[in-house]
Amino acid sequence: MGFLEDRFDDNIITAKLDQILSWARSTSAWYFQFGLACCAIEMMATAASRHDLERIGMMPRSSPRQADVMIVAGTVTLKMATRVIKLYDQMADPKYVISMGSCANSGGPYSRQGYHVLKGVDQIIPVDVYVPGCPPRPESLIEGLLKLQDKIRKERPLTKKK
């Protein structure tokens, strides 16, 4: 017993339960990949072995019912907007959205001539983090995910809201 007591004496952590829950949620976010155009290639490259999102606790899911984060990558057409809303509604709370690329952020180069393009995914669902670029590099998406983790870490799920 003496060996175990000496070994584990310094391993006591004290923190508020809100902080522990927020830390756990931020480092285990599962993302739902919703690739619509060329940004999807960069999103796939981010999840590949060179950048490996699982190092920062992000795991891809193919079902919105198992995901915490929706990454909208690419041009959202008006025809596709109803599907985006439907998939967003299927996600469990708390849920987060990352808008990736200038087409998802603001309609991109198609916003002026294209009557069929949504002028930003934030018109139909709330967006937490915008990742700029056309298409954004994998490092940009990683930075956006780290910003989302910071945002989740600052949340206090158990504290009473006034």
C-alpha atoms as a PDB file:
ATOM      1  CA  MET A   1       0.000   0.000   0.000  1.00  0.00           C
ATOM      2  CA  GLY A   2       2.886   2.372   0.659  1.00  0.00           C
ATOM      3  CA  PHE A   3       3.991   2.319  -2.976  1.00  0.00           C
ATOM      4  CA  LEU A   4       0.546   3.306  -4.289  1.00  0.00           C
ATOM      5  CA  GLU A   5       0.072   6.026  -1.687  1.00  0.00           C
ATOM      6  CA  ASP A   6       3.406   7.636  -2.558  1.00  0.00           C
ATOM      7  CA  ARG A   7       2.660   7.452  -6.261  1.00  0.00           C
ATOM      8  CA  PHE A   8      -0.833   9.023  -6.261  1.00  0.00           C
ATOM      9  CA  ASP A   9      -0.552  11.655  -3.523  1.00  0.00           C
ATOM     10  CA  ASP A  10      -0.012  14.578  -5.920  1.00  0.00           C
ATOM     11  CA  ASN A  11      -2.770  13.650  -8.392  1.00  0.00           C
ATOM     12  CA  ILE A  12      -5.616  15.652  -6.891  1.00  0.00           C
ATOM     13  CA  ILE A  13      -7.381  18.193  -9.037  1.00  0.00           C
ATOM     14  CA  THR A  14      -9.847  20.714  -7.697  1.00  0.00           C
ATOM     15  CA  ALA A  15     -12.061  22.660 -10.071  1.00  0.00           C
ATOM     16  CA  LYS A  16     -15.635  23.731 -10.510  1.00  0.00           C
ATOM     17  CA  LEU A  17     -17.856  21.078 -12.066  1.00  0.00           C
ATOM     18  CA  ASP A  18     -18.882  23.584 -14.764  1.00  0.00           C
ATOM     19  CA  GLN A  19     -15.251  23.978 -15.814  1.00  0.00           C
ATOM     20  CA  ILE A  20     -14.633  20.233 -15.880  1.00  0.00           C
ATOM     21  CA  LEU A  21     -17.739  19.590 -17.991  1.00  0.00           C
ATOM     22  CA  SER A  22     -16.858  22.382 -20.414  1.00  0.00           C
ATOM     23  CA  TRP A  23     -13.297  21.102 -20.736  1.00  0.00           C
ATOM     24  CA  ALA A  24     -14.541  17.553 -21.379  1.00  0.00           C
ATOM     25  CA  ARG A  25     -17.073  18.740 -23.978  1.00  0.00           C
ATOM     26  CA  SER A  26     -14.501  20.901 -25.754  1.00  0.00           C
ATOM     27  CA  THR A  27     -11.922  18.141 -26.072  1.00  0.00           C
ATOM     28  CA  SER A  28     -14.312  15.467 -27.292  1.00  0.00           C
ATOM     29  CA  ALA A  29     -16.390  17.185 -29.954  1.00  0.00           C
ATOM     30  CA  TRP A  30     -17.655  14.964 -32.732  1.00  0.00           C
ATOM     31  CA  TYR A  31     -18.165  16.758 -36.014  1.00  0.00           C
ATOM     32  CA  PHE A  32     -20.653  16.100 -38.766  1.00  0.00           C
ATOM     33  CA  GLN A  33     -19.133  16.617 -42.196  1.00  0.00           C
ATOM     34  CA  PHE A  34     -21.396  18.437 -44.587  1.00  0.00           C
ATOM     35  CA  GLY A  35     -19.219  18.984 -47.656  1.00  0.00           C
ATOM     36  CA  LEU A  36     -20.967  20.656 -50.557  1.00  0.00           C
ATOM     37  CA  ALA A  37     -18.202  21.914 -52.864  1.00  0.00           C
ATOM     38  CA  CYS A  38     -14.437  22.348 -53.151  1.00  0.00           C
ATOM     39  CA  CYS A  39     -14.089  23.246 -49.449  1.00  0.00           C
ATOM     40  CA  ALA A  40     -14.995  19.647 -48.683  1.00  0.00           C
ATOM     41  CA  ILE A  41     -11.663  18.494 -50.161  1.00  0.00           C
ATOM     42  CA  GLU A  42      -9.809  20.732 -47.697  1.00  0.00           C
ATOM     43  CA  MET A  43     -12.023  19.462 -44.862  1.00  0.00           C
ATOM     44  CA  MET A  44     -11.122  15.884 -45.788  1.00  0.00           C
ATOM     45  CA  ALA A  45      -7.434  16.817 -45.927  1.00  0.00           C
ATOM     46  CA  THR A  46      -7.738  18.248 -42.416  1.00  0.00           C
ATOM     47  CA  ALA A  47      -9.023  14.930 -41.122  1.00  0.00           C
ATOM     48  CA  ALA A  48      -6.280  12.983 -42.955  1.00  0.00           C
ATOM     49  CA  SER A  49      -3.034  11.813 -41.416  1.00  0.00           C
ATOM     50  CA  ARG A  50      -0.975  14.976 -42.026  1.00  0.00           C
ATOM     51  CA  HIS A  51      -3.225  17.226 -39.924  1.00  0.00           C
ATOM     52  CA  ASP A  52      -5.187  14.574 -37.969  1.00  0.00           C
ATOM     53  CA  LEU A  53      -8.063  16.253 -36.153  1.00  0.00           C
ATOM     54  CA  GLU A  54      -8.248  13.458 -33.615  1.00  0.00           C
ATOM     55  CA  ARG A  55      -5.153  14.928 -31.950  1.00  0.00           C
ATOM     56  CA  ILE A  56      -7.283  17.824 -30.745  1.00  0.00           C
ATOM     57  CA  GLY A  57     -10.233  15.605 -29.798  1.00  0.00           C
ATOM     58  CA  MET A  58     -12.318  15.971 -32.968  1.00  0.00           C
ATOM     59  CA  MET A  59     -13.860  12.781 -34.317  1.00  0.00           C
ATOM     60  CA  PRO A  60     -15.840  12.566 -37.563  1.00  0.00           C
ATOM     61  CA  ARG A  61     -19.371  11.183 -37.437  1.00  0.00           C
ATOM     62  CA  SER A  62     -21.580  10.312 -40.363  1.00  0.00           C
ATOM     63  CA  SER A  63     -24.835  10.812 -38.504  1.00  0.00           C
ATOM     64  CA  PRO A  64     -26.094  14.180 -37.240  1.00  0.00           C
ATOM     65  CA  ARG A  65     -27.678  12.455 -34.237  1.00  0.00           C
ATOM     66  CA  GLN A  66     -24.215  11.580 -32.911  1.00  0.00           C
ATOM     67  CA  ALA A  67     -22.518  14.891 -33.722  1.00  0.00           C
ATOM     68  CA  ASP A  68     -21.876  18.016 -31.672  1.00  0.00           C
ATOM     69  CA  VAL A  69     -20.450  20.181 -34.465  1.00  0.00           C
ATOM     70  CA  MET A  70     -21.661  20.667 -38.021  1.00  0.00           C
ATOM     71  CA  ILE A  71     -19.032  21.857 -40.488  1.00  0.00           C
ATOM     72  CA  VAL A  72     -20.761  23.401 -43.508  1.00  0.00           C
ATOM     73  CA  ALA A  73     -18.106  23.417 -46.215  1.00  0.00           C
ATOM     74  CA  GLY A  74     -18.977  24.933 -49.539  1.00  0.00           C
ATOM     75  CA  THR A  75     -21.782  26.491 -51.548  1.00  0.00           C
ATOM     76  CA  VAL A  76     -25.243  26.133 -50.035  1.00  0.00           C
ATOM     77  CA  THR A  77     -27.895  26.339 -52.730  1.00  0.00           C
ATOM     78  CA  LEU A  78     -31.501  27.197 -51.938  1.00  0.00           C
ATOM     79  CA  LYS A  79     -32.464  23.637 -52.816  1.00  0.00           C
ATOM     80  CA  MET A  80     -29.917  22.284 -50.308  1.00  0.00           C
ATOM     81  CA  ALA A  81     -30.882  24.772 -47.563  1.00  0.00           C
ATOM     82  CA  THR A  82     -33.883  22.720 -46.449  1.00  0.00           C
ATOM     83  CA  ARG A  83     -31.627  19.695 -45.986  1.00  0.00           C
ATOM     84  CA  VAL A  84     -29.114  21.722 -43.968  1.00  0.00           C
ATOM     85  CA  ILE A  85     -31.922  22.847 -41.645  1.00  0.00           C
ATOM     86  CA  LYS A  86     -33.246  19.294 -41.338  1.00  0.00           C
ATOM     87  CA  LEU A  87     -29.827  17.884 -40.447  1.00  0.00           C
ATOM     88  CA  TYR A  88     -29.176  20.735 -37.985  1.00  0.00           C
ATOM     89  CA  ASP A  89     -32.488  20.028 -36.264  1.00  0.00           C
ATOM     90  CA  GLN A  90     -31.531  16.353 -35.892  1.00  0.00           C
ATOM     91  CA  MET A  91     -28.420  17.220 -33.888  1.00  0.00           C
ATOM     92  CA  ALA A  92     -28.666  16.999 -30.107  1.00  0.00           C
ATOM     93  CA  ASP A  93     -28.126  20.052 -27.907  1.00  0.00           C
ATOM     94  CA  PRO A  94     -25.664  21.628 -27.335  1.00  0.00           C
ATOM     95  CA  LYS A  95     -24.797  21.932 -31.012  1.00  0.00           C
ATOM     96  CA  TYR A  96     -22.351  24.129 -32.837  1.00  0.00           C
ATOM     97  CA  VAL A  97     -21.856  25.173 -36.462  1.00  0.00           C
ATOM     98  CA  ILE A  98     -18.703  26.100 -38.347  1.00  0.00           C
ATOM     99  CA  SER A  99     -19.128  27.881 -41.671  1.00  0.00           C
ATOM    100  CA  MET A 100     -16.140  26.998 -43.834  1.00  0.00           C
ATOM    101  CA  GLY A 101     -15.177  28.974 -46.928  1.00  0.00           C
ATOM    102  CA  SER A 102     -16.445  32.142 -48.531  1.00  0.00           C
ATOM    103  CA  CYS A 103     -19.323  30.338 -50.259  1.00  0.00           C
ATOM    104  CA  ALA A 104     -20.752  29.100 -46.956  1.00  0.00           C
ATOM    105  CA  ASN A 105     -19.953  32.421 -45.260  1.00  0.00           C
ATOM    106  CA  SER A 106     -21.432  34.814 -47.821  1.00  0.00           C
ATOM    107  CA  GLY A 107     -22.297  33.055 -51.068  1.00  0.00           C
ATOM    108  CA  GLY A 108     -18.801  33.460 -52.488  1.00  0.00           C
ATOM    109  CA  PRO A 109     -18.310  34.339 -56.151  1.00  0.00           C
ATOM    110  CA  TYR A 110     -21.826  33.067 -56.940  1.00  0.00           C
ATOM    111  CA  SER A 111     -23.637  35.529 -54.681  1.00  0.00           C
ATOM    112  CA  ARG A 112     -24.163  38.247 -57.332  1.00  0.00           C
ATOM    113  CA  GLN A 113     -24.994  36.266 -60.452  1.00  0.00           C
ATOM    114  CA  GLY A 114     -26.411  33.117 -58.872  1.00  0.00           C
ATOM    115  CA  TYR A 115     -30.055  33.427 -57.885  1.00  0.00           C
ATOM    116  CA  HIS A 116     -29.932  29.864 -56.590  1.00  0.00           C
ATOM    117  CA  VAL A 117     -27.175  30.397 -53.981  1.00  0.00           C
ATOM    118  CA  LEU A 118     -27.839  31.156 -50.331  1.00  0.00           C
ATOM    119  CA  LYS A 119     -26.024  34.335 -49.296  1.00  0.00           C
ATOM    120  CA  GLY A 120     -24.510  32.714 -46.215  1.00  0.00           C
ATOM    121  CA  VAL A 121     -25.492  29.694 -44.150  1.00  0.00           C
ATOM    122  CA  ASP A 122     -26.080  32.000 -41.172  1.00  0.00           C
ATOM    123  CA  GLN A 123     -29.378  33.016 -42.793  1.00  0.00           C
ATOM    124  CA  ILE A 124     -30.881  29.615 -41.987  1.00  0.00           C
ATOM    125  CA  ILE A 125     -28.939  28.276 -38.967  1.00  0.00           C
ATOM    126  CA  PRO A 126     -26.863  29.985 -36.252  1.00  0.00           C
ATOM    127  CA  VAL A 127     -23.111  29.925 -36.922  1.00  0.00           C
ATOM    128  CA  ASP A 128     -20.548  29.884 -34.113  1.00  0.00           C
ATOM    129  CA  VAL A 129     -17.272  30.156 -36.065  1.00  0.00           C
ATOM    130  CA  TYR A 130     -16.532  31.446 -39.562  1.00  0.00           C
ATOM    131  CA  VAL A 131     -13.482  30.108 -41.402  1.00  0.00           C
ATOM    132  CA  PRO A 132     -12.553  32.464 -44.279  1.00  0.00           C
ATOM    133  CA  GLY A 133     -10.871  31.509 -47.536  1.00  0.00           C
ATOM    134  CA  CYS A 134     -11.616  30.128 -50.960  1.00  0.00           C
ATOM    135  CA  PRO A 135     -11.023  27.303 -50.204  1.00  0.00           C
ATOM    136  CA  PRO A 136      -9.527  27.655 -46.736  1.00  0.00           C
ATOM    137  CA  ARG A 137      -6.422  25.637 -45.996  1.00  0.00           C
ATOM    138  CA  PRO A 138      -6.566  22.815 -43.439  1.00  0.00           C
ATOM    139  CA  GLU A 139      -4.648  24.996 -40.977  1.00  0.00           C
ATOM    140  CA  SER A 140      -7.466  27.556 -41.141  1.00  0.00           C
ATOM    141  CA  LEU A 141     -10.071  24.933 -40.313  1.00  0.00           C
ATOM    142  CA  ILE A 142      -7.944  23.701 -37.415  1.00  0.00           C
ATOM    143  CA  GLU A 143      -7.717  27.270 -36.111  1.00  0.00           C
ATOM    144  CA  GLY A 144     -11.503  27.582 -36.405  1.00  0.00           C
ATOM    145  CA  LEU A 145     -11.961  24.347 -34.469  1.00  0.00           C
ATOM    146  CA  LEU A 146      -9.570  25.557 -31.769  1.00  0.00           C
ATOM    147  CA  LYS A 147     -11.583  28.802 -31.518  1.00  0.00           C
ATOM    148  CA  LEU A 148     -14.726  26.707 -31.140  1.00  0.00           C
ATOM    149  CA  GLN A 149     -13.042  24.691 -28.384  1.00  0.00           C
ATOM    150  CA  ASP A 150     -12.220  27.944 -26.585  1.00  0.00           C
ATOM    151  CA  LYS A 151     -15.828  29.048 -26.902  1.00  0.00           C
ATOM    152  CA  ILE A 152     -17.095  25.732 -25.504  1.00  0.00           C
ATOM    153  CA  ARG A 153     -14.555  25.914 -22.659  1.00  0.00           C
ATOM    154  CA  LYS A 154     -15.928  29.312 -21.604  1.00  0.00           C
ATOM    155  CA  GLU A 155     -19.499  28.000 -21.364  1.00  0.00           C
ATOM    156  CA  ARG A 156     -20.919  27.092 -17.974  1.00  0.00           C
ATOM    157  CA  PRO A 157     -23.651  24.459 -18.507  1.00  0.00           C
ATOM    158  CA  LEU A 158     -24.601  24.116 -14.818  1.00  0.00           C
ATOM    159  CA  THR A 159     -24.558  27.762 -13.779  1.00  0.00           C
ATOM    160  CA  LYS A 160     -27.931  29.430 -13.514  1.00  0.00           C
ATOM    161  CA  LYS A 161     -28.587  31.872 -16.293  1.00  0.00           C
ATOM    162  CA  LYS A 162     -29.891  35.226 -15.109  1.00  0.00           C
END
